[in-house]
Amino acid sequence: FPLASFIEANAPRFPIFMCGGFKEVDPSVAELDTWPVGFAAQVVPKGTKVDLAAYSRLCLEPFAMADPRAGDRKQEYLVESAPQRLAKLLVDDLGAGVFSEVLQVGTCEPAGGRLVLRARITQYKPGSETARFMLAGAGSAQIEITVTLVDAESSQQLGGFEAKGLWAWGGAAGASVGISDLEKNVAYEISSYL
């Protein structure tokens, strides 16, 4: 039987975890999402969201640059400032009303009603507008962020997700979009989840 059927039947009773990713031979995996949990991932039906109604405050810990090749990337000024820029974009996208307060702190103090958001930038490649203009696929820009949501009081991980962006078009269209556009899109994707 399809893996998605197994998950749907059992996920309400207990969480299901996996390591190593899906085998693509089962087309039903397109109906599933994974939430990162340490080195493993919790498997949930696609579109499952964590219930955040009990959280009035968001503690946004500093975004971590976890791309092992970040130091080798050109446009170092973009790579070095990406964590701060992405955090600011997320705060701007959240605006007023989603949470009564958004705290940008090094470490969130344990307290009830606080949600901690931890983000790891696992892929950050500014690419090259000139290379994309010359040839589609060359100089592609890419960003991937793993987000983890944690209850501040209990330190229990509630869930997580990935936000991704890739731009590899060629010609004028390829040169007209860059890493800053992908950053805005990924920040919006995170804020939309919240």
Protein backbone atom coordinates (compact mmCIF):
# COMPACT_ATOMS: atom_id res chain seq x y z
CA PHE A 1 0.00 0.00 0.00
CA PRO A 2 1.14 3.62 -0.48
CA LEU A 3 3.28 5.25 2.20
CA ALA A 4 0.92 8.24 2.41
CA SER A 5 -1.92 5.89 3.47
CA PHE A 6 0.27 4.48 6.25
CA ILE A 7 1.12 7.98 7.49
CA GLU A 8 -2.50 9.20 7.38
CA ALA A 9 -3.69 6.13 9.31
CA ASN A 10 -1.02 6.32 12.02
CA ALA A 11 0.03 9.98 12.39
CA PRO A 12 -2.99 10.89 14.58
CA ARG A 13 -1.99 8.14 17.06
CA PHE A 14 1.75 8.79 17.33
CA PRO A 15 4.47 10.75 15.52
CA ILE A 16 6.36 9.02 12.71
CA PHE A 17 10.03 9.79 12.07
CA MET A 18 12.46 8.88 9.33
CA CYS A 19 16.09 9.28 8.38
CA GLY A 20 17.55 9.41 4.90
CA GLY A 21 14.65 10.78 2.88
CA PHE A 22 11.97 9.18 0.73
CA LYS A 23 12.46 6.66 -2.03
CA GLU A 24 10.85 8.21 -5.08
CA VAL A 25 9.38 4.91 -6.29
CA ASP A 26 6.19 5.64 -4.32
CA PRO A 27 4.30 8.54 -5.95
CA SER A 28 2.26 9.03 -2.77
CA VAL A 29 5.27 10.71 -1.10
CA ALA A 30 4.22 13.87 -2.97
CA GLU A 31 1.34 14.01 -0.45
CA LEU A 32 3.77 14.16 2.51
CA ASP A 33 5.93 16.79 4.21
CA THR A 34 8.83 16.40 6.61
CA TRP A 35 9.58 18.52 9.65
CA PRO A 36 13.28 18.51 10.61
CA VAL A 37 13.95 17.13 14.11
CA GLY A 38 17.68 16.96 14.79
CA PHE A 39 19.17 14.53 12.27
CA ALA A 40 15.81 12.90 11.59
CA ALA A 41 12.51 14.23 10.24
CA GLN A 42 8.93 13.83 11.36
CA VAL A 43 6.68 12.73 8.50
CA VAL A 44 3.30 14.46 8.27
CA PRO A 45 0.57 14.83 5.63
CA LYS A 46 1.29 17.73 3.22
CA GLY A 47 -0.04 21.03 4.48
CA THR A 48 0.02 20.05 8.16
CA LYS A 49 0.70 23.07 10.33
CA VAL A 50 1.61 23.43 13.98
CA ASP A 51 -1.21 24.97 16.04
CA LEU A 52 0.30 28.27 17.19
CA ALA A 53 -2.83 29.75 18.80
CA ALA A 54 -1.33 29.42 22.32
CA TYR A 55 1.65 31.64 21.42
CA SER A 56 1.30 35.40 21.67
CA ARG A 57 5.02 36.20 21.50
CA LEU A 58 7.66 35.13 19.01
CA CYS A 59 11.33 34.90 19.96
CA LEU A 60 13.37 35.11 16.81
CA GLU A 61 16.85 33.77 17.49
CA PRO A 62 19.65 34.91 15.17
CA PHE A 63 19.62 33.06 11.86
CA ALA A 64 22.62 30.74 11.54
CA MET A 65 24.66 30.48 8.34
CA ALA A 66 25.08 26.70 8.07
CA ASP A 67 26.03 26.46 4.39
CA PRO A 68 29.39 24.65 4.43
CA ARG A 69 30.39 26.42 1.21
CA ALA A 70 29.30 29.91 2.26
CA GLY A 71 32.88 31.03 2.86
CA ASP A 72 33.81 30.07 -0.72
CA ARG A 73 31.02 32.09 -2.34
CA LYS A 74 31.68 35.26 -4.28
CA GLN A 75 29.91 38.41 -3.15
CA GLU A 76 31.05 37.82 0.45
CA TYR A 77 29.25 40.96 1.63
CA LEU A 78 25.92 39.32 0.71
CA VAL A 79 26.79 36.01 2.36
CA GLU A 80 28.02 37.60 5.60
CA SER A 81 24.98 39.86 6.05
CA ALA A 82 22.34 37.36 4.88
CA PRO A 83 21.29 36.13 8.36
CA GLN A 84 20.54 39.65 9.62
CA ARG A 85 18.83 40.66 6.37
CA LEU A 86 16.61 37.56 6.36
CA ALA A 87 15.60 38.09 10.01
CA LYS A 88 14.65 41.71 9.26
CA LEU A 89 12.63 40.69 6.20
CA LEU A 90 10.76 38.13 8.31
CA VAL A 91 9.97 40.67 11.04
CA ASP A 92 8.78 43.15 8.40
CA ASP A 93 6.58 40.49 6.76
CA LEU A 94 5.03 39.48 10.09
CA GLY A 95 3.95 43.03 10.81
CA ALA A 96 1.51 43.82 13.61
CA GLY A 97 -1.19 41.39 14.61
CA VAL A 98 0.38 37.98 14.04
CA PHE A 99 2.11 38.05 17.43
CA SER A 100 1.64 40.67 20.14
CA GLU A 101 5.42 40.92 20.36
CA VAL A 102 8.38 39.79 18.25
CA LEU A 103 11.62 39.60 20.20
CA GLN A 104 14.94 39.39 18.39
CA VAL A 105 17.20 37.88 21.02
CA GLY A 106 20.33 35.75 21.29
CA THR A 107 18.56 33.14 23.41
CA CYS A 108 14.90 33.24 24.38
CA GLU A 109 14.09 33.19 28.09
CA PRO A 110 11.78 30.33 29.12
CA ALA A 111 8.23 31.63 29.53
CA GLY A 112 4.70 30.52 28.73
CA GLY A 113 3.11 31.75 25.52
CA ARG A 114 6.44 32.21 23.74
CA LEU A 115 7.37 30.51 20.50
CA VAL A 116 11.04 30.26 19.53
CA LEU A 117 11.92 30.34 15.83
CA ARG A 118 15.35 28.98 14.92
CA ALA A 119 16.51 29.21 11.33
CA ARG A 120 19.54 27.61 9.71
CA ILE A 121 20.55 28.80 6.25
CA THR A 122 21.68 25.50 4.74
CA GLN A 123 22.25 26.79 1.20
CA TYR A 124 23.11 30.35 0.23
CA LYS A 125 24.37 30.97 -3.28
CA PRO A 126 24.06 34.56 -4.58
CA GLY A 127 24.87 33.51 -8.15
CA SER A 128 25.61 35.96 -10.94
CA GLU A 129 23.12 38.12 -12.85
CA THR A 130 25.67 38.49 -15.67
CA ALA A 131 26.16 34.73 -16.03
CA ARG A 132 22.37 34.16 -16.03
CA PHE A 133 21.98 36.83 -18.71
CA MET A 134 24.54 35.03 -20.87
CA LEU A 135 23.29 31.46 -20.39
CA ALA A 136 20.25 29.94 -18.67
CA GLY A 137 21.28 27.89 -15.64
CA ALA A 138 24.71 29.48 -15.33
CA GLY A 139 25.14 31.66 -12.24
CA SER A 140 21.93 30.41 -10.63
CA ALA A 141 20.91 31.93 -7.30
CA GLN A 142 19.71 29.59 -4.56
CA ILE A 143 18.66 29.75 -0.92
CA GLU A 144 17.43 27.05 1.49
CA ILE A 145 16.46 27.59 5.11
CA THR A 146 15.49 25.00 7.72
CA VAL A 147 13.11 26.47 10.31
CA THR A 148 12.46 24.89 13.69
CA LEU A 149 9.65 25.96 16.03
CA VAL A 150 10.17 25.37 19.76
CA ASP A 151 8.04 25.99 22.85
CA ALA A 152 10.12 28.43 24.95
CA GLU A 153 8.83 27.17 28.28
CA SER A 154 9.28 23.41 27.79
CA SER A 155 12.00 23.49 25.07
CA GLN A 156 9.86 20.95 23.20
CA GLN A 157 10.23 21.07 19.43
CA LEU A 158 6.79 21.63 17.94
CA GLY A 159 7.66 21.21 14.29
CA GLY A 160 9.63 22.65 11.45
CA PHE A 161 9.77 23.13 7.74
CA GLU A 162 12.02 24.18 4.89
CA ALA A 163 11.77 27.31 2.80
CA LYS A 164 13.57 27.33 -0.55
CA GLY A 165 14.18 29.52 -3.54
CA LEU A 166 15.99 28.96 -6.85
CA TRP A 167 16.45 31.27 -9.83
CA ALA A 168 18.21 29.99 -12.95
CA TRP A 169 16.43 31.57 -15.91
CA GLY A 170 18.55 33.00 -18.68
CA GLY A 171 18.52 36.20 -20.70
CA ALA A 172 17.03 39.46 -19.47
CA ALA A 173 14.58 37.60 -17.20
CA GLY A 174 17.48 35.77 -15.55
CA ALA A 175 19.40 38.97 -14.95
CA SER A 176 16.36 40.83 -13.58
CA VAL A 177 15.98 38.66 -10.47
CA GLY A 178 18.66 38.00 -7.90
CA ILE A 179 19.35 36.66 -4.43
CA SER A 180 17.63 39.64 -2.77
CA ASP A 181 14.38 38.67 -4.50
CA LEU A 182 14.78 35.07 -3.33
CA GLU A 183 15.43 36.31 0.22
CA LYS A 184 12.14 38.27 0.14
CA ASN A 185 10.26 35.23 -1.17
CA VAL A 186 11.72 32.88 1.46
CA ALA A 187 11.00 35.35 4.30
CA TYR A 188 7.42 35.67 3.03
CA GLU A 189 7.11 31.87 2.89
CA ILE A 190 8.18 31.62 6.55
CA SER A 191 5.86 34.43 7.69
CA SER A 192 2.96 32.88 5.76
CA TYR A 193 3.45 29.63 7.66
CA LEU A 194 3.23 31.52 10.96
